[in-house]
Amino acid sequence: MKKTLLGICTALCLLIFPQVSFADAAAGDVIITLGKDLSAQDRQKVLNEMNAPDNATIIEVTNAEEHKYLGDYIPKADIGTRAISSSSITIAKKGTGLEVQTNNISKITDEMYLNALMTAGVKDAKIHVTAPFEVSGTAALTGLMKAYETTSGKEISEDVKKVANEELVTTSELGQQIGADNASALLAKVKEEVAKNGGSQSKEEIEKTIDQAASDLGITLTDEQKKSLLSLFDNMKNINIDWNQVGDQLDKAKDKITKFLDSEEGKNFIQKLIDFFISLWNAIVSVFTGGGASESNG
């Protein structure tokens, strides 16, 4: 468990180093974040896996950075003393949304990264998170945010970084209790409603939103779980999050949130699809039935 969490933390912090400006970054530009404590062999293994281009910008993340962004949410002993997990971010064309793939990540799902990255303001990019051995994956977020800053030239505030890390840890812990897909879908659904209101909902309104989202998805939350979510969204409300962008990225990522198909919107889509095929089948049957009757009469 300790090795798992320490690997997680490594990638999170990759984002804090060189202030290289790539404000004119183009689609296809790649930034790679590497845990500073990777052995030479593991470092090369990770680079090979990511098919790192020769011109990729490489940023290292330190264990101190892991503690800075995760220390409030994960015990120091679990963060450990080595920075291991790594990530890459490839700038995509404007309007394409976010795409995440992971390898050797045990605690954090693709959807959890999507949610947290949206909160941080990351958009239109292909993300790859990996480690030379299995880790939980929490640390990768820090590296990804730093890579996005470096590539886009847009600084992510410290408050937003901390809340994005809190979201990742909260969703991961909730996922271990109610299922990763449920946790990711619940966060996405609540954020969608909050985004519609520009993040201006009161604590009581957010609580109702959480209750409704959980009900729609068939999820039962304990008082402690609800309290954790309320605290997270209350923190989100008090910082400068671009909710319009969050809502836009959520729209693009809905098909990537696995549990979406079990939501009210997903069920409506599936029902329409079923109705279409039923109508098509009935039409085919009627054609053959009509043809048979005509032949018999002749």
C-alpha atoms as a PDB file:
ATOM      1  CA  MET A   1       0.000   0.000   0.000  1.00  0.00           C
ATOM      2  CA  LYS A   2       2.838   2.383   0.891  1.00  0.00           C
ATOM      3  CA  LYS A   3       4.576   1.676  -2.425  1.00  0.00           C
ATOM      4  CA  THR A   4       1.277   2.172  -4.216  1.00  0.00           C
ATOM      5  CA  LEU A   5       0.567   5.583  -2.714  1.00  0.00           C
ATOM      6  CA  LEU A   6       4.104   6.842  -3.057  1.00  0.00           C
ATOM      7  CA  GLY A   7       4.013   6.030  -6.753  1.00  0.00           C
ATOM      8  CA  ILE A   8       0.730   7.899  -7.049  1.00  0.00           C
ATOM      9  CA  CYS A   9       2.148  10.978  -5.499  1.00  0.00           C
ATOM     10  CA  THR A  10       5.129  11.211  -7.807  1.00  0.00           C
ATOM     11  CA  ALA A  11       3.173  12.214 -10.870  1.00  0.00           C
ATOM     12  CA  LEU A  12       1.056  14.818  -9.121  1.00  0.00           C
ATOM     13  CA  CYS A  13       4.025  16.990  -8.405  1.00  0.00           C
ATOM     14  CA  LEU A  14       5.597  16.929 -11.801  1.00  0.00           C
ATOM     15  CA  LEU A  15       3.830  20.149 -12.533  1.00  0.00           C
ATOM     16  CA  ILE A  16       5.749  22.573 -10.429  1.00  0.00           C
ATOM     17  CA  PHE A  17       9.187  23.008 -11.997  1.00  0.00           C
ATOM     18  CA  PRO A  18      10.555  25.007 -14.922  1.00  0.00           C
ATOM     19  CA  GLN A  19       8.600  28.051 -15.957  1.00  0.00           C
ATOM     20  CA  VAL A  20       8.969  27.344 -19.647  1.00  0.00           C
ATOM     21  CA  SER A  21       6.343  29.184 -21.666  1.00  0.00           C
ATOM     22  CA  PHE A  22       4.605  27.388 -24.509  1.00  0.00           C
ATOM     23  CA  ALA A  23       1.702  29.769 -24.942  1.00  0.00           C
ATOM     24  CA  ASP A  24       1.841  29.115 -28.700  1.00  0.00           C
ATOM     25  CA  ALA A  25       1.771  25.348 -28.278  1.00  0.00           C
ATOM     26  CA  ALA A  26       0.230  23.489 -31.187  1.00  0.00           C
ATOM     27  CA  ALA A  27      -1.700  20.243 -31.446  1.00  0.00           C
ATOM     28  CA  GLY A  28       0.754  17.376 -31.126  1.00  0.00           C
ATOM     29  CA  ASP A  29       3.139  19.085 -28.718  1.00  0.00           C
ATOM     30  CA  VAL A  30       4.154  16.719 -25.911  1.00  0.00           C
ATOM     31  CA  ILE A  31       5.233  17.334 -22.316  1.00  0.00           C
ATOM     32  CA  ILE A  32       6.427  14.381 -20.223  1.00  0.00           C
ATOM     33  CA  THR A  33       6.638  14.333 -16.445  1.00  0.00           C
ATOM     34  CA  LEU A  34       8.937  11.848 -14.749  1.00  0.00           C
ATOM     35  CA  GLY A  35       9.348  10.923 -11.107  1.00  0.00           C
ATOM     36  CA  LYS A  36      12.763  12.186 -10.043  1.00  0.00           C
ATOM     37  CA  ASP A  37      13.513   8.960  -8.165  1.00  0.00           C
ATOM     38  CA  LEU A  38      13.038   6.637 -11.130  1.00  0.00           C
ATOM     39  CA  SER A  39      16.077   4.455 -11.771  1.00  0.00           C
ATOM     40  CA  ALA A  40      17.758   4.950 -15.145  1.00  0.00           C
ATOM     41  CA  GLN A  41      16.285   1.643 -16.323  1.00  0.00           C
ATOM     42  CA  ASP A  42      12.739   2.479 -15.171  1.00  0.00           C
ATOM     43  CA  ARG A  43      13.003   5.972 -16.608  1.00  0.00           C
ATOM     44  CA  GLN A  44      13.817   4.557 -20.039  1.00  0.00           C
ATOM     45  CA  LYS A  45      11.064   1.961 -19.681  1.00  0.00           C
ATOM     46  CA  VAL A  46       8.484   4.689 -19.046  1.00  0.00           C
ATOM     47  CA  LEU A  47       9.754   6.814 -21.943  1.00  0.00           C
ATOM     48  CA  ASN A  48       9.584   3.838 -24.291  1.00  0.00           C
ATOM     49  CA  GLU A  49       6.043   3.036 -23.199  1.00  0.00           C
ATOM     50  CA  MET A  50       4.931   6.612 -23.887  1.00  0.00           C
ATOM     51  CA  ASN A  51       6.674   6.634 -27.284  1.00  0.00           C
ATOM     52  CA  ALA A  52       8.306   9.867 -26.185  1.00  0.00           C
ATOM     53  CA  PRO A  53       9.349  11.950 -29.195  1.00  0.00           C
ATOM     54  CA  ASP A  54      12.894  13.310 -29.279  1.00  0.00           C
ATOM     55  CA  ASN A  55      11.622  16.885 -29.001  1.00  0.00           C
ATOM     56  CA  ALA A  56       9.358  16.244 -25.996  1.00  0.00           C
ATOM     57  CA  THR A  57       9.808  18.613 -23.065  1.00  0.00           C
ATOM     58  CA  ILE A  58      10.633  16.624 -19.906  1.00  0.00           C
ATOM     59  CA  ILE A  59       9.815  17.836 -16.389  1.00  0.00           C
ATOM     60  CA  GLU A  60      10.845  16.039 -13.211  1.00  0.00           C
ATOM     61  CA  VAL A  61       8.697  15.864 -10.111  1.00  0.00           C
ATOM     62  CA  THR A  62      10.105  15.569  -6.623  1.00  0.00           C
ATOM     63  CA  ASN A  63       8.867  13.878  -3.481  1.00  0.00           C
ATOM     64  CA  ALA A  64       8.760  17.289  -1.770  1.00  0.00           C
ATOM     65  CA  GLU A  65       6.224  18.427  -4.357  1.00  0.00           C
ATOM     66  CA  GLU A  66       4.147  15.323  -3.684  1.00  0.00           C
ATOM     67  CA  HIS A  67       3.984  16.207  -0.010  1.00  0.00           C
ATOM     68  CA  LYS A  68       3.082  19.822  -0.860  1.00  0.00           C
ATOM     69  CA  TYR A  69      -0.034  18.904  -2.836  1.00  0.00           C
ATOM     70  CA  LEU A  70      -1.069  15.656  -1.155  1.00  0.00           C
ATOM     71  CA  GLY A  71      -0.013  16.236   2.452  1.00  0.00           C
ATOM     72  CA  ASP A  72      -3.436  17.540   3.478  1.00  0.00           C
ATOM     73  CA  TYR A  73      -5.256  14.482   2.108  1.00  0.00           C
ATOM     74  CA  ILE A  74      -2.926  11.483   2.459  1.00  0.00           C
ATOM     75  CA  PRO A  75      -0.815  10.498   5.498  1.00  0.00           C
ATOM     76  CA  LYS A  76       2.851  11.428   5.057  1.00  0.00           C
ATOM     77  CA  ALA A  77       3.916   7.843   5.661  1.00  0.00           C
ATOM     78  CA  ASP A  78       1.760   6.747   2.699  1.00  0.00           C
ATOM     79  CA  ILE A  79       3.193   9.399   0.402  1.00  0.00           C
ATOM     80  CA  GLY A  80       6.620   7.993   1.154  1.00  0.00           C
ATOM     81  CA  THR A  81      10.036   9.307   0.222  1.00  0.00           C
ATOM     82  CA  ARG A  82      10.363   8.622  -3.515  1.00  0.00           C
ATOM     83  CA  ALA A  83       8.772  10.179  -6.593  1.00  0.00           C
ATOM     84  CA  ILE A  84       7.967   7.437  -9.124  1.00  0.00           C
ATOM     85  CA  SER A  85       4.785   7.755 -11.221  1.00  0.00           C
ATOM     86  CA  SER A  86       4.931   9.571 -14.534  1.00  0.00           C
ATOM     87  CA  SER A  87       2.685  11.057 -17.177  1.00  0.00           C
ATOM     88  CA  SER A  88       2.515  12.667 -20.571  1.00  0.00           C
ATOM     89  CA  ILE A  89       0.197  15.282 -21.994  1.00  0.00           C
ATOM     90  CA  THR A  90      -0.250  15.772 -25.723  1.00  0.00           C
ATOM     91  CA  ILE A  91      -2.012  18.920 -26.848  1.00  0.00           C
ATOM     92  CA  ALA A  92      -5.034  18.080 -29.012  1.00  0.00           C
ATOM     93  CA  LYS A  93      -7.043  20.189 -31.447  1.00  0.00           C
ATOM     94  CA  LYS A  94      -9.319  22.804 -29.920  1.00  0.00           C
ATOM     95  CA  GLY A  95     -12.737  21.432 -28.994  1.00  0.00           C
ATOM     96  CA  THR A  96     -11.738  17.756 -28.927  1.00  0.00           C
ATOM     97  CA  GLY A  97     -11.953  17.429 -25.134  1.00  0.00           C
ATOM     98  CA  LEU A  98      -9.895  15.268 -22.809  1.00  0.00           C
ATOM     99  CA  GLU A  99      -8.825  11.645 -23.231  1.00  0.00           C
ATOM    100  CA  VAL A 100      -7.070   9.629 -20.510  1.00  0.00           C
ATOM    101  CA  GLN A 101      -5.301   6.258 -20.596  1.00  0.00           C
ATOM    102  CA  THR A 102      -3.535   4.610 -17.675  1.00  0.00           C
ATOM    103  CA  ASN A 103      -1.127   1.751 -17.069  1.00  0.00           C
ATOM    104  CA  ASN A 104      -0.026   0.215 -13.749  1.00  0.00           C
ATOM    105  CA  ILE A 105      -2.451   2.523 -11.908  1.00  0.00           C
ATOM    106  CA  SER A 106      -4.508   0.655  -9.310  1.00  0.00           C
ATOM    107  CA  LYS A 107      -6.502   3.240  -7.355  1.00  0.00           C
ATOM    108  CA  ILE A 108      -7.315   6.012  -9.823  1.00  0.00           C
ATOM    109  CA  THR A 109      -9.457   5.353 -12.910  1.00  0.00           C
ATOM    110  CA  ASP A 110      -9.406   7.193 -16.226  1.00  0.00           C
ATOM    111  CA  GLU A 111     -12.702   8.870 -15.317  1.00  0.00           C
ATOM    112  CA  MET A 112     -11.324  10.123 -11.996  1.00  0.00           C
ATOM    113  CA  TYR A 113      -8.461  11.821 -13.803  1.00  0.00           C
ATOM    114  CA  LEU A 114     -10.919  13.329 -16.283  1.00  0.00           C
ATOM    115  CA  ASN A 115     -12.995  14.851 -13.491  1.00  0.00           C
ATOM    116  CA  ALA A 116     -10.034  16.291 -11.592  1.00  0.00           C
ATOM    117  CA  LEU A 117      -8.339  17.655 -14.707  1.00  0.00           C
ATOM    118  CA  MET A 118     -11.565  19.415 -15.699  1.00  0.00           C
ATOM    119  CA  THR A 119     -11.672  21.056 -12.281  1.00  0.00           C
ATOM    120  CA  ALA A 120      -8.089  22.236 -12.782  1.00  0.00           C
ATOM    121  CA  GLY A 121      -9.010  23.799 -16.108  1.00  0.00           C
ATOM    122  CA  VAL A 122      -7.116  21.364 -18.330  1.00  0.00           C
ATOM    123  CA  LYS A 123      -8.770  20.911 -21.716  1.00  0.00           C
ATOM    124  CA  ASP A 124      -8.282  19.456 -25.182  1.00  0.00           C
ATOM    125  CA  ALA A 125      -5.468  17.003 -24.495  1.00  0.00           C
ATOM    126  CA  LYS A 126      -4.539  13.333 -24.610  1.00  0.00           C
ATOM    127  CA  ILE A 127      -3.257  12.095 -21.271  1.00  0.00           C
ATOM    128  CA  HIS A 128      -1.198   9.015 -20.440  1.00  0.00           C
ATOM    129  CA  VAL A 129      -0.423   8.068 -16.827  1.00  0.00           C
ATOM    130  CA  THR A 130       1.956   5.239 -16.024  1.00  0.00           C
ATOM    131  CA  ALA A 131       4.570   3.789 -13.688  1.00  0.00           C
ATOM    132  CA  PRO A 132       7.202   1.039 -14.024  1.00  0.00           C
ATOM    133  CA  PHE A 133       5.253  -1.015 -11.449  1.00  0.00           C
ATOM    134  CA  GLU A 134       1.758  -0.845  -9.985  1.00  0.00           C
ATOM    135  CA  VAL A 135       0.994   2.330  -8.008  1.00  0.00           C
ATOM    136  CA  SER A 136      -2.227   3.979  -6.924  1.00  0.00           C
ATOM    137  CA  GLY A 137      -1.807   6.956  -9.281  1.00  0.00           C
ATOM    138  CA  THR A 138      -2.710  10.001  -7.196  1.00  0.00           C
ATOM    139  CA  ALA A 139       0.602  11.743  -7.783  1.00  0.00           C
ATOM    140  CA  ALA A 140       0.146  11.860 -11.542  1.00  0.00           C
ATOM    141  CA  LEU A 141      -2.300  14.749 -11.323  1.00  0.00           C
ATOM    142  CA  THR A 142       0.328  17.204 -10.110  1.00  0.00           C
ATOM    143  CA  GLY A 143       2.579  16.339 -13.021  1.00  0.00           C
ATOM    144  CA  LEU A 144      -0.254  16.695 -15.507  1.00  0.00           C
ATOM    145  CA  MET A 145      -1.232  20.123 -14.257  1.00  0.00           C
ATOM    146  CA  LYS A 146       2.371  21.305 -14.422  1.00  0.00           C
ATOM    147  CA  ALA A 147       2.710  19.907 -17.917  1.00  0.00           C
ATOM    148  CA  TYR A 148      -0.437  21.731 -18.994  1.00  0.00           C
ATOM    149  CA  GLU A 149       0.864  24.977 -17.498  1.00  0.00           C
ATOM    150  CA  THR A 150       4.160  24.578 -19.300  1.00  0.00           C
ATOM    151  CA  THR A 151       2.551  23.722 -22.617  1.00  0.00           C
ATOM    152  CA  SER A 152      -0.277  26.257 -22.627  1.00  0.00           C
ATOM    153  CA  GLY A 153       1.447  29.096 -20.802  1.00  0.00           C
ATOM    154  CA  LYS A 154      -1.605  29.325 -18.516  1.00  0.00           C
ATOM    155  CA  GLU A 155      -0.914  29.222 -14.796  1.00  0.00           C
ATOM    156  CA  ILE A 156      -3.194  27.135 -12.587  1.00  0.00           C
ATOM    157  CA  SER A 157      -3.642  28.771  -9.187  1.00  0.00           C
ATOM    158  CA  GLU A 158      -2.392  26.992  -6.071  1.00  0.00           C
ATOM    159  CA  ASP A 159      -5.948  26.858  -4.679  1.00  0.00           C
ATOM    160  CA  VAL A 160      -7.261  25.146  -7.802  1.00  0.00           C
ATOM    161  CA  LYS A 161      -4.377  22.653  -7.777  1.00  0.00           C
ATOM    162  CA  LYS A 162      -5.087  21.742  -4.169  1.00  0.00           C
ATOM    163  CA  VAL A 163      -8.817  21.297  -4.772  1.00  0.00           C
ATOM    164  CA  ALA A 164      -8.159  19.163  -7.852  1.00  0.00           C
ATOM    165  CA  ASN A 165      -5.898  16.943  -5.739  1.00  0.00           C
ATOM    166  CA  GLU A 166      -8.530  16.829  -3.003  1.00  0.00           C
ATOM    167  CA  GLU A 167     -11.103  15.791  -5.585  1.00  0.00           C
ATOM    168  CA  LEU A 168      -8.910  12.988  -6.893  1.00  0.00           C
ATOM    169  CA  VAL A 169      -8.255  11.605  -3.412  1.00  0.00           C
ATOM    170  CA  THR A 170     -11.907  12.000  -2.343  1.00  0.00           C
ATOM    171  CA  THR A 171     -13.195  10.262  -5.472  1.00  0.00           C
ATOM    172  CA  SER A 172     -10.641   7.468  -5.108  1.00  0.00           C
ATOM    173  CA  GLU A 173     -11.604   6.833  -1.479  1.00  0.00           C
ATOM    174  CA  LEU A 174     -15.310   6.985  -2.333  1.00  0.00           C
ATOM    175  CA  GLY A 175     -14.709   4.607  -5.235  1.00  0.00           C
ATOM    176  CA  GLN A 176     -13.261   2.022  -2.878  1.00  0.00           C
ATOM    177  CA  GLN A 177     -16.538   2.142  -0.948  1.00  0.00           C
ATOM    178  CA  ILE A 178     -19.230   2.419  -3.635  1.00  0.00           C
ATOM    179  CA  GLY A 179     -17.336   1.394  -6.774  1.00  0.00           C
ATOM    180  CA  ALA A 180     -15.046   3.443  -9.009  1.00  0.00           C
ATOM    181  CA  ASP A 181     -17.599   3.863 -11.804  1.00  0.00           C
ATOM    182  CA  ASN A 182     -20.270   5.008  -9.350  1.00  0.00           C
ATOM    183  CA  ALA A 183     -17.931   7.512  -7.716  1.00  0.00           C
ATOM    184  CA  SER A 184     -16.769   9.002 -11.031  1.00  0.00           C
ATOM    185  CA  ALA A 185     -20.303   9.261 -12.403  1.00  0.00           C
ATOM    186  CA  LEU A 186     -21.587  10.839  -9.194  1.00  0.00           C
ATOM    187  CA  LEU A 187     -18.870  13.497  -9.203  1.00  0.00           C
ATOM    188  CA  ALA A 188     -19.471  14.225 -12.880  1.00  0.00           C
ATOM    189  CA  LYS A 189     -23.228  14.506 -12.432  1.00  0.00           C
ATOM    190  CA  VAL A 190     -22.961  16.852  -9.445  1.00  0.00           C
ATOM    191  CA  LYS A 191     -20.353  18.987 -11.221  1.00  0.00           C
ATOM    192  CA  GLU A 192     -22.594  19.201 -14.275  1.00  0.00           C
ATOM    193  CA  GLU A 193     -25.392  20.683 -12.169  1.00  0.00           C
ATOM    194  CA  VAL A 194     -23.024  23.018 -10.327  1.00  0.00           C
ATOM    195  CA  ALA A 195     -21.597  24.171 -13.673  1.00  0.00           C
ATOM    196  CA  LYS A 196     -25.100  24.940 -14.969  1.00  0.00           C
ATOM    197  CA  ASN A 197     -25.469  27.360 -12.058  1.00  0.00           C
ATOM    198  CA  GLY A 198     -22.024  28.868 -12.511  1.00  0.00           C
ATOM    199  CA  GLY A 199     -20.814  27.465  -9.182  1.00  0.00           C
ATOM    200  CA  SER A 200     -23.117  29.825  -7.271  1.00  0.00           C
ATOM    201  CA  GLN A 201     -25.186  27.233  -5.399  1.00  0.00           C
ATOM    202  CA  SER A 202     -25.504  27.437  -1.628  1.00  0.00           C
ATOM    203  CA  LYS A 203     -24.354  24.579   0.577  1.00  0.00           C
ATOM    204  CA  GLU A 204     -27.979  23.478   1.016  1.00  0.00           C
ATOM    205  CA  GLU A 205     -28.534  23.492  -2.750  1.00  0.00           C
ATOM    206  CA  ILE A 206     -25.365  21.473  -3.327  1.00  0.00           C
ATOM    207  CA  GLU A 207     -26.544  18.943  -0.753  1.00  0.00           C
ATOM    208  CA  LYS A 208     -29.829  18.558  -2.640  1.00  0.00           C
ATOM    209  CA  THR A 209     -27.883  18.206  -5.890  1.00  0.00           C
ATOM    210  CA  ILE A 210     -25.754  15.430  -4.372  1.00  0.00           C
ATOM    211  CA  ASP A 211     -28.858  13.646  -3.070  1.00  0.00           C
ATOM    212  CA  GLN A 212     -30.604  13.887  -6.447  1.00  0.00           C
ATOM    213  CA  ALA A 213     -27.550  12.740  -8.393  1.00  0.00           C
ATOM    214  CA  ALA A 214     -27.081   9.765  -6.067  1.00  0.00           C
ATOM    215  CA  SER A 215     -30.771   8.868  -6.427  1.00  0.00           C
ATOM    216  CA  ASP A 216     -30.627   9.103 -10.236  1.00  0.00           C
ATOM    217  CA  LEU A 217     -27.640   6.759 -10.291  1.00  0.00           C
ATOM    218  CA  GLY A 218     -29.060   4.337  -7.711  1.00  0.00           C
ATOM    219  CA  ILE A 219     -26.305   5.118  -5.196  1.00  0.00           C
ATOM    220  CA  THR A 220     -26.812   5.146  -1.426  1.00  0.00           C
ATOM    221  CA  LEU A 221     -24.441   7.446   0.444  1.00  0.00           C
ATOM    222  CA  THR A 222     -23.619   7.335   4.147  1.00  0.00           C
ATOM    223  CA  ASP A 223     -23.660  10.561   6.162  1.00  0.00           C
ATOM    224  CA  GLU A 224     -19.856  10.513   6.235  1.00  0.00           C
ATOM    225  CA  GLN A 225     -19.601  10.111   2.458  1.00  0.00           C
ATOM    226  CA  LYS A 226     -22.040  12.952   1.882  1.00  0.00           C
ATOM    227  CA  LYS A 227     -20.140  15.122   4.356  1.00  0.00           C
ATOM    228  CA  SER A 228     -16.910  14.499   2.428  1.00  0.00           C
ATOM    229  CA  LEU A 229     -18.536  15.472  -0.869  1.00  0.00           C
ATOM    230  CA  LEU A 230     -20.117  18.583   0.637  1.00  0.00           C
ATOM    231  CA  SER A 231     -16.739  19.677   1.970  1.00  0.00           C
ATOM    232  CA  LEU A 232     -15.149  19.165  -1.453  1.00  0.00           C
ATOM    233  CA  PHE A 233     -17.781  21.149  -3.338  1.00  0.00           C
ATOM    234  CA  ASP A 234     -17.791  23.863  -0.707  1.00  0.00           C
ATOM    235  CA  ASN A 235     -14.047  24.247  -1.263  1.00  0.00           C
ATOM    236  CA  MET A 236     -14.625  24.334  -5.020  1.00  0.00           C
ATOM    237  CA  LYS A 237     -17.183  27.106  -4.592  1.00  0.00           C
ATOM    238  CA  ASN A 238     -14.693  29.318  -2.779  1.00  0.00           C
ATOM    239  CA  ILE A 239     -11.976  29.329  -5.446  1.00  0.00           C
ATOM    240  CA  ASN A 240     -11.707  30.632  -8.981  1.00  0.00           C
ATOM    241  CA  ILE A 241     -12.910  27.693 -11.062  1.00  0.00           C
ATOM    242  CA  ASP A 242     -14.043  28.317 -14.639  1.00  0.00           C
ATOM    243  CA  TRP A 243     -17.374  26.486 -14.409  1.00  0.00           C
ATOM    244  CA  ASN A 244     -18.286  27.258 -18.011  1.00  0.00           C
ATOM    245  CA  GLN A 245     -15.197  25.390 -19.144  1.00  0.00           C
ATOM    246  CA  VAL A 246     -15.864  22.547 -16.701  1.00  0.00           C
ATOM    247  CA  GLY A 247     -19.380  22.164 -18.120  1.00  0.00           C
ATOM    248  CA  ASP A 248     -18.059  22.226 -21.684  1.00  0.00           C
ATOM    249  CA  GLN A 249     -15.430  19.563 -20.990  1.00  0.00           C
ATOM    250  CA  LEU A 250     -18.028  17.418 -19.189  1.00  0.00           C
ATOM    251  CA  ASP A 251     -20.274  17.522 -22.252  1.00  0.00           C
ATOM    252  CA  LYS A 252     -17.411  16.250 -24.381  1.00  0.00           C
ATOM    253  CA  ALA A 253     -16.478  13.537 -21.886  1.00  0.00           C
ATOM    254  CA  LYS A 254     -19.926  12.110 -21.093  1.00  0.00           C
ATOM    255  CA  ASP A 255     -19.381   9.060 -23.265  1.00  0.00           C
ATOM    256  CA  LYS A 256     -16.171   8.384 -21.334  1.00  0.00           C
ATOM    257  CA  ILE A 257     -17.914   8.266 -17.939  1.00  0.00           C
ATOM    258  CA  THR A 258     -18.795   4.579 -17.754  1.00  0.00           C
ATOM    259  CA  LYS A 259     -21.731   4.914 -15.409  1.00  0.00           C
ATOM    260  CA  PHE A 260     -23.365   7.461 -17.701  1.00  0.00           C
ATOM    261  CA  LEU A 261     -25.189   4.661 -19.462  1.00  0.00           C
ATOM    262  CA  ASP A 262     -26.935   3.905 -16.161  1.00  0.00           C
ATOM    263  CA  SER A 263     -27.956   7.519 -15.599  1.00  0.00           C
ATOM    264  CA  GLU A 264     -31.293   9.044 -16.562  1.00  0.00           C
ATOM    265  CA  GLU A 265     -29.780  10.620 -19.676  1.00  0.00           C
ATOM    266  CA  GLY A 266     -28.108   7.376 -20.654  1.00  0.00           C
ATOM    267  CA  LYS A 267     -31.264   5.337 -20.154  1.00  0.00           C
ATOM    268  CA  ASN A 268     -33.220   7.740 -22.357  1.00  0.00           C
ATOM    269  CA  PHE A 269     -30.606   7.339 -25.072  1.00  0.00           C
ATOM    270  CA  ILE A 270     -30.677   3.547 -24.812  1.00  0.00           C
ATOM    271  CA  GLN A 271     -34.497   3.502 -24.861  1.00  0.00           C
ATOM    272  CA  LYS A 272     -34.560   5.605 -28.020  1.00  0.00           C
ATOM    273  CA  LEU A 273     -32.097   3.193 -29.590  1.00  0.00           C
ATOM    274  CA  ILE A 274     -34.272   0.211 -28.600  1.00  0.00           C
ATOM    275  CA  ASP A 275     -37.406   1.908 -29.963  1.00  0.00           C
ATOM    276  CA  PHE A 276     -35.618   2.560 -33.254  1.00  0.00           C
ATOM    277  CA  PHE A 277     -34.645  -1.095 -33.712  1.00  0.00           C
ATOM    278  CA  ILE A 278     -38.126  -2.268 -32.742  1.00  0.00           C
ATOM    279  CA  SER A 279     -39.630   0.039 -35.366  1.00  0.00           C
ATOM    280  CA  LEU A 280     -37.110  -1.169 -37.925  1.00  0.00           C
ATOM    281  CA  TRP A 281     -37.876  -4.821 -37.122  1.00  0.00           C
ATOM    282  CA  ASN A 282     -41.637  -4.224 -37.368  1.00  0.00           C
ATOM    283  CA  ALA A 283     -41.159  -2.570 -40.737  1.00  0.00           C
ATOM    284  CA  ILE A 284     -39.146  -5.543 -42.019  1.00  0.00           C
ATOM    285  CA  VAL A 285     -41.726  -8.021 -40.708  1.00  0.00           C
ATOM    286  CA  SER A 286     -44.586  -6.114 -42.321  1.00  0.00           C
ATOM    287  CA  VAL A 287     -42.818  -6.156 -45.704  1.00  0.00           C
ATOM    288  CA  PHE A 288     -42.329  -9.921 -45.637  1.00  0.00           C
ATOM    289  CA  THR A 289     -45.832 -10.548 -44.289  1.00  0.00           C
ATOM    290  CA  GLY A 290     -47.360  -8.442 -47.047  1.00  0.00           C
ATOM    291  CA  GLY A 291     -45.270 -10.173 -49.715  1.00  0.00           C
ATOM    292  CA  GLY A 292     -46.370 -13.626 -48.516  1.00  0.00           C
ATOM    293  CA  ALA A 293     -50.082 -12.743 -48.605  1.00  0.00           C
ATOM    294  CA  SER A 294     -49.815 -11.365 -52.131  1.00  0.00           C
ATOM    295  CA  GLU A 295     -48.101 -14.522 -53.380  1.00  0.00           C
ATOM    296  CA  SER A 296     -50.782 -16.742 -51.845  1.00  0.00           C
ATOM    297  CA  ASN A 297     -53.602 -14.777 -53.431  1.00  0.00           C
ATOM    298  CA  GLY A 298     -52.005 -15.008 -56.872  1.00  0.00           C
END
